[in-house]
Amino acid sequence: MSAYDVFLARRSFIELGARERAGAILDEGSMRELLGPFDHLESPWLPLQDIVCQADDGVIIAKGTLDGRPAVVLAIESAFQGGSIGEVSGTKIAATLELALRECEAGRPVWPVILFETGGVRLQEANLGLAVIAEIQSAIVALRRHVPVVGVIAGMVGCFGGMSLAAALCSYLIMTRQGRLGMNGPEVIEQEAGIQELDSGDRRLIWSLIGGEQRTATGLADALIEDDAQGIAQAVRAACAHGPVAPARSEQVEKYLKLLDAVDPATIDSASMRLSWQPAHATAPGHVTEEGV
């Protein structure tokens, strides 16, 4: 098969919606959506600000199997409010993880997979969103003792805010080159600190700082996968097969921080620094989310 044939056969994971992403991860024909759009679970706060709701509040809960074993996929829809997490969407994620924990404690393990695509907490529901993100993080930590919790950050929104901490807590974190991971998004940093601090329009710089290739190289992510639905699904299965081990990223990050501490800031030339490390696909287009990420 030629390289062109491989290109034509590849199915972009990034271009799929949340439901299609969940279906691409699970075994073919096994997906069953829980709390779907016909259940009309939506935020009561958005209509108060004349914002049109989405009936499933932007989070897809899909039950199925991975290699024949019970699994649940929690997929965030970036097309709705930038994948932001509010009271309802966050509760769907937290409650699903807690139910999976109950199954694991009863001796019926369920593999959880979280497809991150979020700018973090929904600004219209800030305190409620922050509270439920804390519940999500707590559930991930509790589940890690029983099964691997696998996270995927594909793009184009990425994963920011409190949900970036949730991603860091996963047993295994998979990214594409187009994915981005950070506490604050470049647009937010530019808005608050000025373009002299960070030019959010400099895509090459942004991807060299928080892109999937850089995050994998520095140990913040465990695997770098091309934008291919089948390849990402295989990476998820491989991560699940490792079993419930603690993330090794903390050790890698500690080594990285020690290297940074050894650098004298006075010797750094900001202009040359921008060109010192460039991912292969650093010019991938960005995306503005609810938090301006």
Protein backbone atom coordinates (compact mmCIF):
# COMPACT_ATOMS: atom_id res chain seq x y z
CA MET A 1 0.00 0.00 0.00
CA SER A 2 1.39 3.40 -0.99
CA ALA A 3 1.67 6.36 1.38
CA TYR A 4 -1.19 7.98 -0.53
CA ASP A 5 -3.40 4.93 0.03
CA VAL A 6 -2.58 5.04 3.75
CA PHE A 7 -3.51 8.73 3.79
CA LEU A 8 -6.86 8.04 2.13
CA ALA A 9 -7.58 5.15 4.52
CA ARG A 10 -6.87 7.24 7.61
CA ARG A 11 -9.94 8.56 9.42
CA SER A 12 -9.33 11.79 11.29
CA PHE A 13 -10.21 11.52 14.97
CA ILE A 14 -10.06 15.30 15.38
CA GLU A 15 -12.77 15.89 12.78
CA LEU A 16 -15.22 13.55 14.53
CA GLY A 17 -17.88 14.81 16.92
CA ALA A 18 -18.01 13.53 20.50
CA ARG A 19 -20.46 10.69 19.70
CA GLU A 20 -18.43 9.54 16.72
CA ARG A 21 -15.25 9.64 18.80
CA ALA A 22 -16.83 7.45 21.48
CA GLY A 23 -17.99 4.98 18.82
CA ALA A 24 -14.52 4.91 17.27
CA ILE A 25 -12.94 3.99 20.63
CA LEU A 26 -15.36 1.22 21.65
CA ASP A 27 -15.65 -2.20 20.00
CA GLU A 28 -17.72 -2.01 16.83
CA GLY A 29 -21.43 -2.39 17.50
CA SER A 30 -21.07 -2.31 21.30
CA MET A 31 -21.80 1.38 21.95
CA ARG A 32 -24.92 2.33 23.91
CA GLU A 33 -25.38 5.95 24.89
CA LEU A 34 -26.50 6.72 28.42
CA LEU A 35 -28.22 10.00 29.35
CA GLY A 36 -28.57 10.93 25.71
CA PRO A 37 -30.14 14.06 24.16
CA PHE A 38 -33.68 12.70 24.48
CA ASP A 39 -33.27 12.76 28.26
CA HIS A 40 -32.92 16.55 28.01
CA LEU A 41 -30.27 16.97 30.69
CA GLU A 42 -29.21 20.55 30.13
CA SER A 43 -27.96 23.52 32.10
CA PRO A 44 -30.69 25.66 33.69
CA TRP A 45 -28.31 28.63 33.82
CA LEU A 46 -27.61 29.24 30.15
CA PRO A 47 -31.17 30.29 29.12
CA LEU A 48 -31.05 33.00 31.79
CA GLN A 49 -28.34 34.61 29.66
CA ASP A 50 -30.09 33.95 26.34
CA ILE A 51 -27.66 31.15 25.46
CA VAL A 52 -29.23 28.25 23.57
CA CYS A 53 -28.75 24.98 25.45
CA GLN A 54 -27.74 21.65 24.03
CA ALA A 55 -30.00 18.82 25.19
CA ASP A 56 -27.11 16.63 26.39
CA ASP A 57 -25.13 19.63 27.75
CA GLY A 58 -22.16 18.73 25.60
CA VAL A 59 -21.04 15.50 27.28
CA ILE A 60 -21.58 12.05 25.76
CA ILE A 61 -21.63 9.01 28.04
CA ALA A 62 -21.20 5.81 26.03
CA LYS A 63 -21.16 2.30 27.48
CA GLY A 64 -19.69 -0.60 25.54
CA THR A 65 -16.69 -2.89 25.42
CA LEU A 66 -12.97 -2.65 24.70
CA ASP A 67 -11.57 -5.94 23.46
CA GLY A 68 -14.70 -7.53 24.89
CA ARG A 69 -14.28 -6.05 28.37
CA PRO A 70 -16.82 -3.59 29.88
CA ALA A 71 -15.87 0.03 29.30
CA VAL A 72 -17.35 3.51 29.44
CA VAL A 73 -16.27 6.47 27.31
CA LEU A 74 -16.88 10.03 28.46
CA ALA A 75 -16.57 12.35 25.46
CA ILE A 76 -16.73 16.15 25.65
CA GLU A 77 -18.26 17.95 22.65
CA SER A 78 -16.06 20.94 21.79
CA ALA A 79 -18.66 22.36 19.39
CA PHE A 80 -20.92 23.28 22.33
CA GLN A 81 -19.66 26.19 24.44
CA GLY A 82 -16.06 25.26 23.68
CA GLY A 83 -16.39 22.00 25.58
CA SER A 84 -16.75 23.98 28.81
CA ILE A 85 -17.72 22.16 31.99
CA GLY A 86 -20.80 23.30 33.89
CA GLU A 87 -23.05 21.86 36.55
CA VAL A 88 -24.84 19.28 34.38
CA SER A 89 -22.03 18.28 32.02
CA GLY A 90 -19.57 17.92 34.88
CA THR A 91 -22.04 15.95 36.99
CA LYS A 92 -22.53 13.49 34.11
CA ILE A 93 -18.78 12.83 34.07
CA ALA A 94 -18.35 12.66 37.85
CA ALA A 95 -21.39 10.42 38.40
CA THR A 96 -20.32 8.04 35.64
CA LEU A 97 -16.85 7.69 37.12
CA GLU A 98 -18.34 7.11 40.58
CA LEU A 99 -20.65 4.40 39.20
CA ALA A 100 -17.67 2.78 37.50
CA LEU A 101 -15.89 2.87 40.87
CA ARG A 102 -18.79 1.03 42.51
CA GLU A 103 -18.62 -1.65 39.83
CA CYS A 104 -14.89 -2.03 40.37
CA GLU A 105 -15.30 -2.29 44.13
CA ALA A 106 -17.92 -5.00 43.56
CA GLY A 107 -15.45 -7.03 41.51
CA ARG A 108 -16.87 -6.03 38.12
CA PRO A 109 -14.15 -3.81 36.63
CA VAL A 110 -15.09 -1.20 34.04
CA TRP A 111 -12.46 0.55 31.93
CA PRO A 112 -13.04 4.35 31.89
CA VAL A 113 -11.82 6.48 28.98
CA ILE A 114 -12.13 10.28 29.03
CA LEU A 115 -11.94 12.19 25.74
CA PHE A 116 -10.89 15.69 26.80
CA GLU A 117 -11.81 18.61 24.57
CA THR A 118 -12.39 21.52 26.91
CA GLY A 119 -11.37 25.01 27.89
CA GLY A 120 -12.20 24.20 31.50
CA VAL A 121 -14.99 25.51 33.69
CA ARG A 122 -17.99 27.18 32.00
CA LEU A 123 -17.80 30.87 32.82
CA GLN A 124 -21.58 31.16 33.26
CA GLU A 125 -21.48 28.46 35.95
CA ALA A 126 -18.06 29.17 37.45
CA ASN A 127 -18.47 28.02 41.06
CA LEU A 128 -20.71 25.09 40.14
CA GLY A 129 -18.29 24.02 37.45
CA LEU A 130 -15.29 24.26 39.76
CA ALA A 131 -17.03 22.17 42.41
CA VAL A 132 -17.92 19.37 40.00
CA ILE A 133 -14.43 19.35 38.46
CA ALA A 134 -13.10 18.63 41.96
CA GLU A 135 -15.50 15.66 42.11
CA ILE A 136 -14.20 14.45 38.74
CA GLN A 137 -10.62 14.62 39.97
CA SER A 138 -11.47 12.75 43.18
CA ALA A 139 -13.23 10.00 41.23
CA ILE A 140 -10.24 9.56 38.90
CA VAL A 141 -7.86 9.14 41.83
CA ALA A 142 -10.18 6.58 43.48
CA LEU A 143 -10.61 4.62 40.23
CA ARG A 144 -6.86 4.41 39.58
CA ARG A 145 -6.52 1.86 42.40
CA HIS A 146 -8.71 -0.58 40.46
CA VAL A 147 -8.38 0.09 36.73
CA PRO A 148 -6.33 2.32 34.43
CA VAL A 149 -8.06 5.62 33.72
CA VAL A 150 -7.13 6.62 30.17
CA GLY A 151 -7.35 10.20 28.91
CA VAL A 152 -7.14 11.40 25.29
CA ILE A 153 -6.42 14.98 24.16
CA ALA A 154 -6.73 15.15 20.40
CA GLY A 155 -7.48 18.80 19.43
CA MET A 156 -8.36 21.36 18.32
CA VAL A 157 -9.57 22.94 21.57
CA GLY A 158 -7.20 20.96 23.77
CA CYS A 159 -7.50 20.70 27.54
CA PHE A 160 -7.20 23.66 29.90
CA GLY A 161 -8.21 24.99 33.30
CA GLY A 162 -9.26 22.60 36.03
CA MET A 163 -9.75 19.83 33.49
CA SER A 164 -6.03 19.93 32.68
CA LEU A 165 -5.49 18.78 36.27
CA ALA A 166 -8.03 16.00 35.73
CA ALA A 167 -6.11 14.94 32.64
CA ALA A 168 -2.84 14.92 34.62
CA LEU A 169 -4.44 12.59 37.18
CA CYS A 170 -5.26 9.94 34.57
CA SER A 171 -3.21 6.75 34.64
CA TYR A 172 -2.29 7.23 31.00
CA LEU A 173 -2.59 10.32 28.82
CA ILE A 174 -2.60 10.10 25.04
CA MET A 175 -2.18 13.17 22.80
CA THR A 176 -1.97 14.06 19.14
CA ARG A 177 0.41 16.72 17.83
CA GLN A 178 -2.58 18.99 17.29
CA GLY A 179 -3.71 18.64 20.92
CA ARG A 180 -2.81 21.29 23.48
CA LEU A 181 -2.51 20.97 27.25
CA GLY A 182 -2.05 23.70 29.85
CA MET A 183 -3.53 25.45 32.84
CA ASN A 184 -4.21 28.72 31.00
CA GLY A 185 -4.75 29.11 27.28
CA PRO A 186 -2.58 31.45 25.19
CA GLU A 187 -5.46 33.84 24.46
CA VAL A 188 -6.16 34.19 28.19
CA ILE A 189 -2.49 34.84 28.97
CA GLU A 190 -2.26 37.47 26.24
CA GLN A 191 -5.46 39.14 27.42
CA GLU A 192 -4.33 39.32 31.04
CA ALA A 193 -0.58 39.91 30.69
CA GLY A 194 -0.25 41.48 27.26
CA ILE A 195 1.14 40.39 23.91
CA GLN A 196 4.68 41.03 25.18
CA GLU A 197 4.20 38.12 27.59
CA LEU A 198 2.73 35.76 25.00
CA ASP A 199 1.59 36.30 21.42
CA SER A 200 -1.38 33.95 21.00
CA GLY A 201 -1.25 34.45 17.23
CA ASP A 202 2.23 32.90 17.02
CA ARG A 203 1.07 29.35 16.35
CA ARG A 204 4.55 27.92 15.98
CA LEU A 205 5.45 29.25 19.41
CA ILE A 206 2.18 28.08 21.02
CA TRP A 207 2.54 24.50 19.77
CA SER A 208 6.19 24.43 20.82
CA LEU A 209 5.09 25.36 24.35
CA ILE A 210 1.90 23.37 24.95
CA GLY A 211 1.41 21.12 21.92
CA GLY A 212 1.14 17.34 22.05
CA GLU A 213 4.66 16.68 20.83
CA GLN A 214 6.20 18.98 23.44
CA ARG A 215 3.99 17.62 26.23
CA THR A 216 4.96 14.06 25.39
CA ALA A 217 8.65 14.91 25.11
CA THR A 218 8.65 16.52 28.57
CA GLY A 219 6.69 13.71 30.22
CA LEU A 220 3.34 15.43 30.73
CA ALA A 221 1.72 12.95 28.31
CA ASP A 222 2.49 9.27 27.89
CA ALA A 223 1.94 8.66 24.18
CA LEU A 224 1.96 10.75 21.00
CA ILE A 225 -0.38 9.38 18.31
CA GLU A 226 -1.11 10.60 14.80
CA ASP A 227 -4.59 11.94 14.05
CA ASP A 228 -6.05 8.57 13.12
CA ALA A 229 -9.18 7.16 14.77
CA GLN A 230 -8.01 3.56 14.51
CA GLY A 231 -4.55 4.41 15.84
CA ILE A 232 -5.96 6.26 18.84
CA ALA A 233 -8.36 3.39 19.58
CA GLN A 234 -5.44 0.95 19.51
CA ALA A 235 -3.43 3.22 21.83
CA VAL A 236 -6.33 3.30 24.29
CA ARG A 237 -6.53 -0.52 24.29
CA ALA A 238 -2.78 -0.80 24.82
CA ALA A 239 -2.97 1.60 27.77
CA CYS A 240 -5.85 -0.34 29.33
CA ALA A 241 -3.89 -3.58 28.98
CA HIS A 242 -1.14 -2.23 31.27
CA GLY A 243 -3.45 -2.48 34.27
CA PRO A 244 -3.95 -0.12 37.23
CA VAL A 245 -0.49 1.35 37.75
CA ALA A 246 0.27 4.82 39.11
CA PRO A 247 1.22 7.48 36.53
CA ALA A 248 4.97 7.81 36.04
CA ARG A 249 4.62 11.35 34.75
CA SER A 250 5.34 12.93 38.14
CA GLU A 251 8.90 11.52 38.10
CA GLN A 252 9.46 12.69 34.53
CA VAL A 253 8.15 16.16 35.29
CA GLU A 254 10.38 16.39 38.38
CA LYS A 255 13.44 15.66 36.22
CA TYR A 256 12.28 18.27 33.71
CA LEU A 257 11.87 20.90 36.45
CA LYS A 258 15.37 20.19 37.74
CA LEU A 259 16.73 20.87 34.25
CA LEU A 260 14.82 24.16 34.14
CA ASP A 261 16.19 25.15 37.54
CA ALA A 262 19.70 24.71 36.20
CA VAL A 263 19.12 27.33 33.47
CA ASP A 264 20.08 30.94 34.19
CA PRO A 265 17.19 33.15 32.95
CA ALA A 266 19.62 35.98 32.24
CA THR A 267 21.28 33.88 29.53
CA ILE A 268 18.05 33.15 27.62
CA ASP A 269 17.45 35.04 24.40
CA SER A 270 13.66 35.08 23.82
CA ALA A 271 14.05 35.36 20.05
CA SER A 272 16.31 32.31 19.72
CA MET A 273 14.22 30.39 22.26
CA ARG A 274 11.25 30.48 19.92
CA LEU A 275 13.20 28.62 17.28
CA SER A 276 15.04 26.19 19.53
CA TRP A 277 12.39 23.48 19.49
CA GLN A 278 9.74 23.19 16.79
CA PRO A 279 7.23 20.34 16.53
CA ALA A 280 6.74 18.78 13.13
CA HIS A 281 3.19 20.11 12.90
CA ALA A 282 3.55 23.33 14.87
CA THR A 283 1.41 25.33 12.44
CA ALA A 284 -1.80 23.47 13.19
CA PRO A 285 -4.73 25.92 13.45
CA GLY A 286 -5.94 26.98 16.88
CA HIS A 287 -9.42 27.22 18.36
CA VAL A 288 -10.99 29.66 20.77
CA THR A 289 -13.04 28.11 23.56
CA GLU A 290 -15.37 29.41 26.22
CA GLU A 291 -12.41 30.41 28.37
CA GLY A 292 -10.59 31.90 25.38
CA VAL A 293 -8.17 29.00 25.16
